[in-house]
Amino acid sequence: MFDKMKQLMDMQRKMQDVKRQLESATFDISSSDGLIKITMNGAQEVKDVTIQADLKVTDKAILEKAARDAYNKAIKRSHDLAAEKMRGVTGLNLPGLT
Protein backbone atom coordinates (compact mmCIF):
# COMPACT_ATOMS: atom_id res chain seq x y z
CA MET A 1 0.00 0.00 0.00
CA PHE A 2 2.76 2.44 0.95
CA ASP A 3 4.75 1.49 -2.16
CA LYS A 4 1.77 2.46 -4.33
CA MET A 5 1.37 5.75 -2.47
CA LYS A 6 5.06 6.48 -2.89
CA GLN A 7 4.81 5.69 -6.62
CA LEU A 8 1.83 8.00 -6.99
CA MET A 9 3.63 10.80 -5.16
CA ASP A 10 6.71 10.30 -7.33
CA MET A 11 4.53 10.41 -10.46
CA GLN A 12 2.84 13.60 -9.25
CA ARG A 13 6.23 15.22 -8.61
CA LYS A 14 7.43 14.18 -12.07
CA MET A 15 4.26 15.58 -13.65
CA GLN A 16 4.87 18.93 -11.91
CA ASP A 17 8.43 18.89 -13.27
CA VAL A 18 7.10 18.26 -16.78
CA LYS A 19 4.65 21.13 -16.39
CA ARG A 20 7.47 23.50 -15.41
CA GLN A 21 9.59 22.27 -18.31
CA LEU A 22 6.75 22.84 -20.78
CA GLU A 23 6.13 26.34 -19.44
CA SER A 24 9.79 27.25 -19.88
CA ALA A 25 10.29 25.61 -23.32
CA THR A 26 9.67 28.07 -26.15
CA PHE A 27 9.74 27.61 -29.89
CA ASP A 28 9.14 29.66 -33.02
CA ILE A 29 6.79 28.59 -35.80
CA SER A 30 6.29 30.47 -39.05
CA SER A 31 3.35 30.32 -41.41
CA SER A 32 3.94 28.40 -44.63
CA ASP A 33 4.37 31.63 -46.57
CA GLY A 34 6.64 33.17 -43.91
CA LEU A 35 4.40 36.19 -43.30
CA ILE A 36 3.80 35.49 -39.62
CA LYS A 37 5.97 34.00 -36.87
CA ILE A 38 4.54 32.88 -33.53
CA THR A 39 6.60 32.23 -30.41
CA MET A 40 4.80 29.83 -28.08
CA ASN A 41 5.72 27.82 -25.02
CA GLY A 42 4.95 24.18 -24.33
CA ALA A 43 1.95 25.22 -22.21
CA GLN A 44 0.38 26.72 -25.37
CA GLU A 45 0.81 30.32 -24.30
CA VAL A 46 1.54 32.66 -27.20
CA LYS A 47 4.55 34.72 -26.16
CA ASP A 48 5.03 36.78 -29.31
CA VAL A 49 3.56 37.33 -32.77
CA THR A 50 5.72 38.87 -35.48
CA ILE A 51 4.45 40.02 -38.85
CA GLN A 52 7.07 40.24 -41.58
CA ALA A 53 8.51 43.76 -41.54
CA ASP A 54 8.53 44.32 -45.30
CA LEU A 55 4.96 43.13 -45.64
CA LYS A 56 3.44 44.46 -48.82
CA VAL A 57 0.38 42.27 -48.62
CA THR A 58 -2.74 44.28 -47.95
CA ASP A 59 -5.12 41.40 -48.58
CA LYS A 60 -6.83 40.70 -45.26
CA ALA A 61 -7.71 37.13 -46.25
CA ILE A 62 -4.06 36.26 -46.96
CA LEU A 63 -2.93 37.67 -43.62
CA GLU A 64 -5.70 35.85 -41.75
CA LYS A 65 -4.76 32.57 -43.46
CA ALA A 66 -1.09 33.08 -42.52
CA ALA A 67 -2.02 33.76 -38.87
CA ARG A 68 -4.26 30.69 -38.73
CA ASP A 69 -1.57 28.54 -40.33
CA ALA A 70 1.16 29.68 -37.93
CA TYR A 71 -1.08 29.28 -34.87
CA ASN A 72 -2.20 25.78 -35.85
CA LYS A 73 1.41 24.72 -36.45
CA ALA A 74 2.40 26.11 -33.05
CA ILE A 75 -0.40 24.22 -31.28
CA LYS A 76 0.62 21.00 -33.04
CA ARG A 77 4.24 21.55 -31.98
CA SER A 78 3.21 22.14 -28.35
CA HIS A 79 1.20 18.90 -28.38
CA ASP A 80 4.21 17.02 -29.75
CA LEU A 81 6.45 18.56 -27.09
CA ALA A 82 4.02 17.61 -24.30
CA ALA A 83 3.74 14.04 -25.63
CA GLU A 84 7.51 13.73 -25.73
CA LYS A 85 7.83 14.93 -22.13
CA MET A 86 5.01 12.64 -20.95
CA ARG A 87 6.59 9.59 -22.57
CA GLY A 88 9.69 10.39 -20.55
CA VAL A 89 7.70 10.31 -17.31
CA THR A 90 5.23 7.50 -17.95
CA GLY A 91 7.00 5.42 -20.58
CA LEU A 92 3.66 5.34 -22.37
CA ASN A 93 2.43 6.79 -25.61
CA LEU A 94 -0.77 8.42 -24.35
CA PRO A 95 -3.66 8.86 -26.81
CA GLY A 96 -4.38 12.46 -27.65
CA LEU A 97 -0.81 13.48 -26.86
CA THR A 98 0.77 12.22 -30.07
C-alpha atoms as a PDB file:
ATOM      1  CA  MET A   1       0.000   0.000   0.000  1.00  0.00           C
ATOM      2  CA  PHE A   2       2.764   2.439   0.953  1.00  0.00           C
ATOM      3  CA  ASP A   3       4.745   1.492  -2.156  1.00  0.00           C
ATOM      4  CA  LYS A   4       1.772   2.460  -4.328  1.00  0.00           C
ATOM      5  CA  MET A   5       1.367   5.750  -2.467  1.00  0.00           C
ATOM      6  CA  LYS A   6       5.061   6.484  -2.895  1.00  0.00           C
ATOM      7  CA  GLN A   7       4.813   5.685  -6.617  1.00  0.00           C
ATOM      8  CA  LEU A   8       1.828   7.998  -6.987  1.00  0.00           C
ATOM      9  CA  MET A   9       3.626  10.800  -5.160  1.00  0.00           C
ATOM     10  CA  ASP A  10       6.708  10.305  -7.335  1.00  0.00           C
ATOM     11  CA  MET A  11       4.534  10.406 -10.455  1.00  0.00           C
ATOM     12  CA  GLN A  12       2.844  13.601  -9.246  1.00  0.00           C
ATOM     13  CA  ARG A  13       6.234  15.217  -8.614  1.00  0.00           C
ATOM     14  CA  LYS A  14       7.430  14.179 -12.066  1.00  0.00           C
ATOM     15  CA  MET A  15       4.260  15.585 -13.646  1.00  0.00           C
ATOM     16  CA  GLN A  16       4.874  18.925 -11.914  1.00  0.00           C
ATOM     17  CA  ASP A  17       8.433  18.890 -13.271  1.00  0.00           C
ATOM     18  CA  VAL A  18       7.097  18.259 -16.777  1.00  0.00           C
ATOM     19  CA  LYS A  19       4.645  21.135 -16.390  1.00  0.00           C
ATOM     20  CA  ARG A  20       7.468  23.497 -15.411  1.00  0.00           C
ATOM     21  CA  GLN A  21       9.592  22.272 -18.313  1.00  0.00           C
ATOM     22  CA  LEU A  22       6.753  22.844 -20.776  1.00  0.00           C
ATOM     23  CA  GLU A  23       6.125  26.341 -19.445  1.00  0.00           C
ATOM     24  CA  SER A  24       9.787  27.250 -19.882  1.00  0.00           C
ATOM     25  CA  ALA A  25      10.292  25.611 -23.317  1.00  0.00           C
ATOM     26  CA  THR A  26       9.666  28.067 -26.146  1.00  0.00           C
ATOM     27  CA  PHE A  27       9.735  27.609 -29.889  1.00  0.00           C
ATOM     28  CA  ASP A  28       9.138  29.664 -33.020  1.00  0.00           C
ATOM     29  CA  ILE A  29       6.791  28.595 -35.800  1.00  0.00           C
ATOM     30  CA  SER A  30       6.289  30.465 -39.054  1.00  0.00           C
ATOM     31  CA  SER A  31       3.350  30.320 -41.408  1.00  0.00           C
ATOM     32  CA  SER A  32       3.936  28.397 -44.634  1.00  0.00           C
ATOM     33  CA  ASP A  33       4.372  31.634 -46.569  1.00  0.00           C
ATOM     34  CA  GLY A  34       6.638  33.170 -43.912  1.00  0.00           C
ATOM     35  CA  LEU A  35       4.401  36.193 -43.304  1.00  0.00           C
ATOM     36  CA  ILE A  36       3.801  35.488 -39.617  1.00  0.00           C
ATOM     37  CA  LYS A  37       5.970  33.999 -36.867  1.00  0.00           C
ATOM     38  CA  ILE A  38       4.539  32.883 -33.529  1.00  0.00           C
ATOM     39  CA  THR A  39       6.598  32.234 -30.415  1.00  0.00           C
ATOM     40  CA  MET A  40       4.800  29.828 -28.077  1.00  0.00           C
ATOM     41  CA  ASN A  41       5.723  27.818 -25.017  1.00  0.00           C
ATOM     42  CA  GLY A  42       4.948  24.176 -24.326  1.00  0.00           C
ATOM     43  CA  ALA A  43       1.951  25.224 -22.215  1.00  0.00           C
ATOM     44  CA  GLN A  44       0.384  26.718 -25.373  1.00  0.00           C
ATOM     45  CA  GLU A  45       0.811  30.320 -24.303  1.00  0.00           C
ATOM     46  CA  VAL A  46       1.544  32.656 -27.201  1.00  0.00           C
ATOM     47  CA  LYS A  47       4.553  34.716 -26.162  1.00  0.00           C
ATOM     48  CA  ASP A  48       5.028  36.776 -29.312  1.00  0.00           C
ATOM     49  CA  VAL A  49       3.563  37.333 -32.768  1.00  0.00           C
ATOM     50  CA  THR A  50       5.715  38.867 -35.480  1.00  0.00           C
ATOM     51  CA  ILE A  51       4.452  40.023 -38.849  1.00  0.00           C
ATOM     52  CA  GLN A  52       7.068  40.239 -41.579  1.00  0.00           C
ATOM     53  CA  ALA A  53       8.514  43.757 -41.541  1.00  0.00           C
ATOM     54  CA  ASP A  54       8.529  44.317 -45.302  1.00  0.00           C
ATOM     55  CA  LEU A  55       4.956  43.133 -45.641  1.00  0.00           C
ATOM     56  CA  LYS A  56       3.436  44.455 -48.817  1.00  0.00           C
ATOM     57  CA  VAL A  57       0.378  42.268 -48.620  1.00  0.00           C
ATOM     58  CA  THR A  58      -2.739  44.279 -47.953  1.00  0.00           C
ATOM     59  CA  ASP A  59      -5.125  41.404 -48.580  1.00  0.00           C
ATOM     60  CA  LYS A  60      -6.832  40.704 -45.258  1.00  0.00           C
ATOM     61  CA  ALA A  61      -7.712  37.126 -46.255  1.00  0.00           C
ATOM     62  CA  ILE A  62      -4.065  36.257 -46.959  1.00  0.00           C
ATOM     63  CA  LEU A  63      -2.932  37.671 -43.622  1.00  0.00           C
ATOM     64  CA  GLU A  64      -5.698  35.850 -41.753  1.00  0.00           C
ATOM     65  CA  LYS A  65      -4.756  32.574 -43.458  1.00  0.00           C
ATOM     66  CA  ALA A  66      -1.091  33.078 -42.521  1.00  0.00           C
ATOM     67  CA  ALA A  67      -2.020  33.763 -38.872  1.00  0.00           C
ATOM     68  CA  ARG A  68      -4.260  30.691 -38.734  1.00  0.00           C
ATOM     69  CA  ASP A  69      -1.566  28.538 -40.335  1.00  0.00           C
ATOM     70  CA  ALA A  70       1.158  29.681 -37.926  1.00  0.00           C
ATOM     71  CA  TYR A  71      -1.077  29.277 -34.873  1.00  0.00           C
ATOM     72  CA  ASN A  72      -2.198  25.775 -35.847  1.00  0.00           C
ATOM     73  CA  LYS A  73       1.406  24.716 -36.445  1.00  0.00           C
ATOM     74  CA  ALA A  74       2.403  26.111 -33.047  1.00  0.00           C
ATOM     75  CA  ILE A  75      -0.403  24.224 -31.280  1.00  0.00           C
ATOM     76  CA  LYS A  76       0.624  20.997 -33.035  1.00  0.00           C
ATOM     77  CA  ARG A  77       4.244  21.547 -31.976  1.00  0.00           C
ATOM     78  CA  SER A  78       3.208  22.143 -28.350  1.00  0.00           C
ATOM     79  CA  HIS A  79       1.201  18.896 -28.376  1.00  0.00           C
ATOM     80  CA  ASP A  80       4.209  17.023 -29.751  1.00  0.00           C
ATOM     81  CA  LEU A  81       6.446  18.560 -27.090  1.00  0.00           C
ATOM     82  CA  ALA A  82       4.022  17.608 -24.303  1.00  0.00           C
ATOM     83  CA  ALA A  83       3.737  14.043 -25.626  1.00  0.00           C
ATOM     84  CA  GLU A  84       7.512  13.734 -25.734  1.00  0.00           C
ATOM     85  CA  LYS A  85       7.833  14.930 -22.128  1.00  0.00           C
ATOM     86  CA  MET A  86       5.006  12.643 -20.949  1.00  0.00           C
ATOM     87  CA  ARG A  87       6.590   9.588 -22.573  1.00  0.00           C
ATOM     88  CA  GLY A  88       9.695  10.386 -20.546  1.00  0.00           C
ATOM     89  CA  VAL A  89       7.700  10.313 -17.308  1.00  0.00           C
ATOM     90  CA  THR A  90       5.231   7.497 -17.951  1.00  0.00           C
ATOM     91  CA  GLY A  91       7.004   5.422 -20.583  1.00  0.00           C
ATOM     92  CA  LEU A  92       3.655   5.345 -22.371  1.00  0.00           C
ATOM     93  CA  ASN A  93       2.431   6.794 -25.614  1.00  0.00           C
ATOM     94  CA  LEU A  94      -0.768   8.421 -24.349  1.00  0.00           C
ATOM     95  CA  PRO A  95      -3.661   8.858 -26.813  1.00  0.00           C
ATOM     96  CA  GLY A  96      -4.377  12.456 -27.646  1.00  0.00           C
ATOM     97  CA  LEU A  97      -0.810  13.485 -26.859  1.00  0.00           C
ATOM     98  CA  THR A  98       0.772  12.221 -30.070  1.00  0.00           C
END
